[in-house]
Amino acid sequence: MAGIYRLSIIWSIRVLDLIESELVEDEVDWISCFPQNGTCLESLIFDCVDSPINFEALERLVVKSPSLKKLRLNRHVTIVQLYRLMVRAPQLTHLRTGSFGPGEIVAQGEQEPDYVSAFAACKSLVCLSGFREINAHYLPAIVPVCANLTSLNLSYATISTEQLKSFIYHCHKLQTLWVLDSVCDEGLQAVAATCKDLHELVQVSFGRD
């Protein structure tokens, strides 16, 4: 990550992919190094980063990046934070969620975010993955985008057959699907009955290293 501060003057950067990069925790607040007056960013990938990021800076970056299409979050981004990003970037086509659980308690008297409407607004979304530390209570939120999905990766999501069925019947355009074997044969039968365009099906063993 040497030279990351130079991002502050590279206003035309379009792709930042940290998949094979290593960050020393607290080495630098890299997400704050982007220009303050708008960016040309189209793809931001940092799901490999093992430490929390400055979420407020990330949110500002998403707001000032109207061309952003691909966003891959790390596991420290909660579903509440995901909601805040999605409502600011409905143009996304590829999304990797972080932790698909709240990560924080909604205060008494406060209304939980409308995750269904946030997904529904992302009408161009075709690729969806992530779902770490999943709380299956939130799974129905993805139903509005299922009809357009061509790729769905649930290899981190420990879900049951019935939980899979709650949305897979809407996924008629799927070409690629990754699931854990927790969905069992009945879940795979539901996939076969629905996803007629499926080209790649990967079943990952639950409890793998």
Protein backbone atom coordinates (compact mmCIF):
# COMPACT_ATOMS: atom_id res chain seq x y z
CA MET A 1 0.00 0.00 0.00
CA ALA A 2 2.99 2.29 -0.47
CA GLY A 3 1.92 5.51 -2.09
CA ILE A 4 -1.74 5.18 -1.14
CA TYR A 5 -1.81 8.86 -0.17
CA ARG A 6 -1.28 9.69 -3.81
CA LEU A 7 -4.92 8.82 -4.33
CA SER A 8 -5.68 12.36 -3.22
CA ILE A 9 -4.29 13.69 -6.49
CA ILE A 10 -5.25 10.83 -8.82
CA TRP A 11 -8.73 12.17 -9.50
CA SER A 12 -9.25 10.00 -12.60
CA ILE A 13 -8.80 6.59 -10.94
CA ARG A 14 -11.56 4.23 -12.09
CA VAL A 15 -10.73 0.90 -10.43
CA LEU A 16 -9.34 0.19 -6.97
CA ASP A 17 -8.95 -3.52 -6.39
CA LEU A 18 -7.42 -4.61 -3.08
CA ILE A 19 -8.12 -8.32 -3.52
CA GLU A 20 -4.44 -9.25 -3.49
CA SER A 21 -3.21 -6.38 -1.34
CA GLU A 22 -2.30 -6.41 2.32
CA LEU A 23 -3.04 -3.56 4.67
CA VAL A 24 -1.40 -3.13 8.04
CA GLU A 25 -4.19 -2.31 10.47
CA ASP A 26 -4.35 1.42 11.20
CA GLU A 27 -1.52 2.00 8.73
CA VAL A 28 -3.48 4.64 6.85
CA ASP A 29 -7.05 5.83 6.48
CA TRP A 30 -6.88 5.01 2.78
CA ILE A 31 -10.58 5.46 2.11
CA SER A 32 -10.26 9.17 2.98
CA CYS A 33 -7.55 9.75 0.38
CA PHE A 34 -9.87 10.14 -2.58
CA PRO A 35 -10.56 13.61 -4.03
CA GLN A 36 -13.19 15.63 -2.24
CA ASN A 37 -14.84 17.04 -5.36
CA GLY A 38 -16.09 13.88 -7.04
CA THR A 39 -14.44 10.81 -8.55
CA CYS A 40 -14.54 8.70 -11.71
CA LEU A 41 -14.52 5.52 -9.63
CA GLU A 42 -16.35 2.61 -11.27
CA SER A 43 -15.13 -0.32 -9.15
CA LEU A 44 -14.17 -0.45 -5.46
CA ILE A 45 -13.11 -3.83 -4.11
CA PHE A 46 -11.78 -4.27 -0.58
CA ASP A 47 -13.36 -7.47 0.72
CA CYS A 48 -9.89 -8.83 1.52
CA VAL A 49 -9.15 -6.03 3.99
CA ASP A 50 -9.34 -7.62 7.42
CA SER A 51 -9.60 -4.46 9.51
CA PRO A 52 -12.53 -2.05 9.90
CA ILE A 53 -12.60 0.91 7.55
CA ASN A 54 -13.69 4.49 8.06
CA PHE A 55 -17.35 4.04 7.17
CA GLU A 56 -18.21 7.74 7.11
CA ALA A 57 -15.44 8.27 4.56
CA LEU A 58 -16.68 5.28 2.56
CA GLU A 59 -20.19 6.69 2.53
CA ARG A 60 -18.91 10.06 1.31
CA LEU A 61 -16.90 8.33 -1.40
CA VAL A 62 -19.93 6.40 -2.63
CA VAL A 63 -21.98 9.60 -2.76
CA LYS A 64 -19.39 11.40 -4.88
CA SER A 65 -18.86 8.44 -7.25
CA PRO A 66 -21.92 8.43 -9.54
CA SER A 67 -20.21 6.01 -11.96
CA LEU A 68 -19.65 3.36 -9.29
CA LYS A 69 -20.95 0.00 -10.55
CA LYS A 70 -19.00 -2.61 -8.59
CA LEU A 71 -18.69 -2.57 -4.80
CA ARG A 72 -17.23 -5.41 -2.73
CA LEU A 73 -17.31 -4.77 1.02
CA ASN A 74 -15.40 -6.47 3.80
CA ARG A 75 -16.95 -8.36 6.70
CA HIS A 76 -16.86 -5.35 9.03
CA VAL A 77 -19.60 -3.53 7.09
CA THR A 78 -22.95 -4.33 8.72
CA ILE A 79 -26.29 -4.61 6.97
CA VAL A 80 -27.35 -1.28 8.48
CA GLN A 81 -24.32 0.34 6.87
CA LEU A 82 -25.00 -1.59 3.66
CA TYR A 83 -28.44 -0.02 3.56
CA ARG A 84 -26.94 3.46 3.80
CA LEU A 85 -24.62 2.71 0.88
CA MET A 86 -27.28 1.13 -1.32
CA VAL A 87 -29.70 4.03 -1.08
CA ARG A 88 -26.86 6.29 -2.23
CA ALA A 89 -25.77 4.01 -5.09
CA PRO A 90 -28.82 2.47 -6.78
CA GLN A 91 -26.79 2.25 -10.00
CA LEU A 92 -24.74 -0.72 -8.71
CA THR A 93 -24.52 -3.79 -10.94
CA HIS A 94 -22.20 -5.92 -8.78
CA LEU A 95 -22.41 -6.01 -4.99
CA ARG A 96 -20.64 -8.05 -2.35
CA THR A 97 -22.22 -7.46 1.04
CA GLY A 98 -20.29 -7.45 4.26
CA SER A 99 -21.80 -9.02 7.36
CA PHE A 100 -25.45 -9.73 6.57
CA GLY A 101 -26.50 -9.09 10.13
CA PRO A 102 -27.14 -5.88 12.06
CA GLY A 103 -23.93 -5.77 14.08
CA GLU A 104 -25.63 -3.16 16.23
CA ILE A 105 -28.85 -2.98 18.20
CA VAL A 106 -31.59 -0.74 16.88
CA ALA A 107 -32.54 1.61 19.70
CA GLN A 108 -35.98 1.22 21.19
CA GLY A 109 -38.44 3.43 19.34
CA GLU A 110 -36.27 3.58 16.21
CA GLN A 111 -37.49 1.91 13.05
CA GLU A 112 -35.25 -0.62 11.35
CA PRO A 113 -34.16 0.41 7.84
CA ASP A 114 -36.33 -0.75 4.94
CA TYR A 115 -33.88 -3.19 3.38
CA VAL A 116 -36.44 -4.43 0.85
CA SER A 117 -36.84 -0.96 -0.66
CA ALA A 118 -33.07 -0.47 -0.78
CA PHE A 119 -32.63 -3.64 -2.82
CA ALA A 120 -35.68 -2.84 -4.95
CA ALA A 121 -34.10 0.48 -5.95
CA CYS A 122 -31.03 -1.32 -7.34
CA LYS A 123 -32.70 -2.27 -10.60
CA SER A 124 -29.41 -2.90 -12.45
CA LEU A 125 -27.99 -5.39 -9.94
CA VAL A 126 -26.98 -8.64 -11.67
CA CYS A 127 -24.26 -10.05 -9.39
CA LEU A 128 -24.70 -10.52 -5.63
CA SER A 129 -22.37 -12.16 -3.10
CA GLY A 130 -21.02 -11.85 0.44
CA PHE A 131 -23.53 -12.71 3.18
CA ARG A 132 -20.96 -13.31 5.91
CA GLU A 133 -22.25 -13.89 9.44
CA ILE A 134 -25.72 -14.08 7.99
CA ASN A 135 -28.93 -13.59 9.92
CA ALA A 136 -31.52 -15.38 7.78
CA HIS A 137 -34.16 -12.94 9.02
CA TYR A 138 -32.83 -10.47 6.46
CA LEU A 139 -32.79 -12.82 3.46
CA PRO A 140 -36.24 -11.81 2.11
CA ALA A 141 -34.79 -8.36 1.47
CA ILE A 142 -33.01 -9.63 -1.64
CA VAL A 143 -36.20 -10.89 -3.34
CA PRO A 144 -36.75 -7.66 -5.36
CA VAL A 145 -33.44 -8.12 -7.22
CA CYS A 146 -33.62 -11.88 -7.73
CA ALA A 147 -35.39 -11.69 -11.09
CA ASN A 148 -32.42 -9.88 -12.66
CA LEU A 149 -29.57 -11.78 -11.01
CA THR A 150 -27.24 -13.79 -13.24
CA SER A 151 -24.74 -14.59 -10.47
CA LEU A 152 -25.41 -15.36 -6.80
CA ASN A 153 -22.73 -16.50 -4.37
CA LEU A 154 -24.00 -17.85 -1.05
CA SER A 155 -20.88 -19.81 -0.15
CA TYR A 156 -20.61 -18.02 3.21
CA ALA A 157 -24.33 -18.27 4.01
CA THR A 158 -25.42 -21.14 6.23
CA ILE A 159 -29.06 -21.37 5.19
CA SER A 160 -31.61 -24.16 5.18
CA THR A 161 -33.59 -25.63 2.31
CA GLU A 162 -36.66 -23.59 3.19
CA GLN A 163 -34.65 -20.39 3.48
CA LEU A 164 -33.20 -20.99 0.03
CA LYS A 165 -36.64 -21.65 -1.41
CA SER A 166 -37.90 -18.33 -0.04
CA PHE A 167 -36.04 -16.50 -2.81
CA ILE A 168 -34.60 -19.00 -5.31
CA TYR A 169 -37.95 -19.37 -7.08
CA HIS A 170 -37.54 -15.76 -8.23
CA CYS A 171 -34.07 -16.36 -9.75
CA HIS A 172 -35.00 -17.40 -13.29
CA LYS A 173 -31.99 -15.74 -14.97
CA LEU A 174 -29.26 -17.24 -12.78
CA GLN A 175 -26.24 -18.54 -14.67
CA THR A 176 -23.87 -18.99 -11.71
CA LEU A 177 -24.78 -20.14 -8.20
CA TRP A 178 -22.59 -21.01 -5.22
CA VAL A 179 -24.24 -22.54 -2.15
CA LEU A 180 -23.31 -24.47 0.97
CA ASP A 181 -24.39 -28.09 1.28
CA SER A 182 -26.66 -26.97 4.13
CA VAL A 183 -29.37 -26.47 1.48
CA CYS A 184 -29.48 -30.28 0.98
CA ASP A 185 -30.73 -32.15 -2.09
CA GLU A 186 -34.19 -30.65 -1.83
CA GLY A 187 -32.72 -27.19 -2.16
CA LEU A 188 -30.77 -28.22 -5.24
CA GLN A 189 -33.95 -29.65 -6.74
CA ALA A 190 -35.60 -26.26 -6.29
CA VAL A 191 -32.64 -24.68 -8.08
CA ALA A 192 -32.90 -27.15 -10.96
CA ALA A 193 -36.63 -26.53 -11.31
CA THR A 194 -36.22 -22.75 -11.45
CA CYS A 195 -32.84 -21.80 -12.89
CA LYS A 196 -33.02 -23.11 -16.44
CA ASP A 197 -30.12 -20.95 -17.65
CA LEU A 198 -27.73 -22.16 -14.94
CA HIS A 199 -24.25 -22.87 -16.33
CA GLU A 200 -22.27 -23.19 -13.11
CA LEU A 201 -23.41 -24.66 -9.80
CA VAL A 202 -20.87 -24.99 -7.00
CA GLN A 203 -21.81 -26.66 -3.73
CA VAL A 204 -19.35 -25.91 -0.94
CA SER A 205 -19.01 -28.16 2.10
CA PHE A 206 -20.20 -26.56 5.32
CA GLY A 207 -17.44 -26.24 7.92
CA ARG A 208 -14.66 -26.09 5.36
CA ASP A 209 -11.37 -24.46 6.36
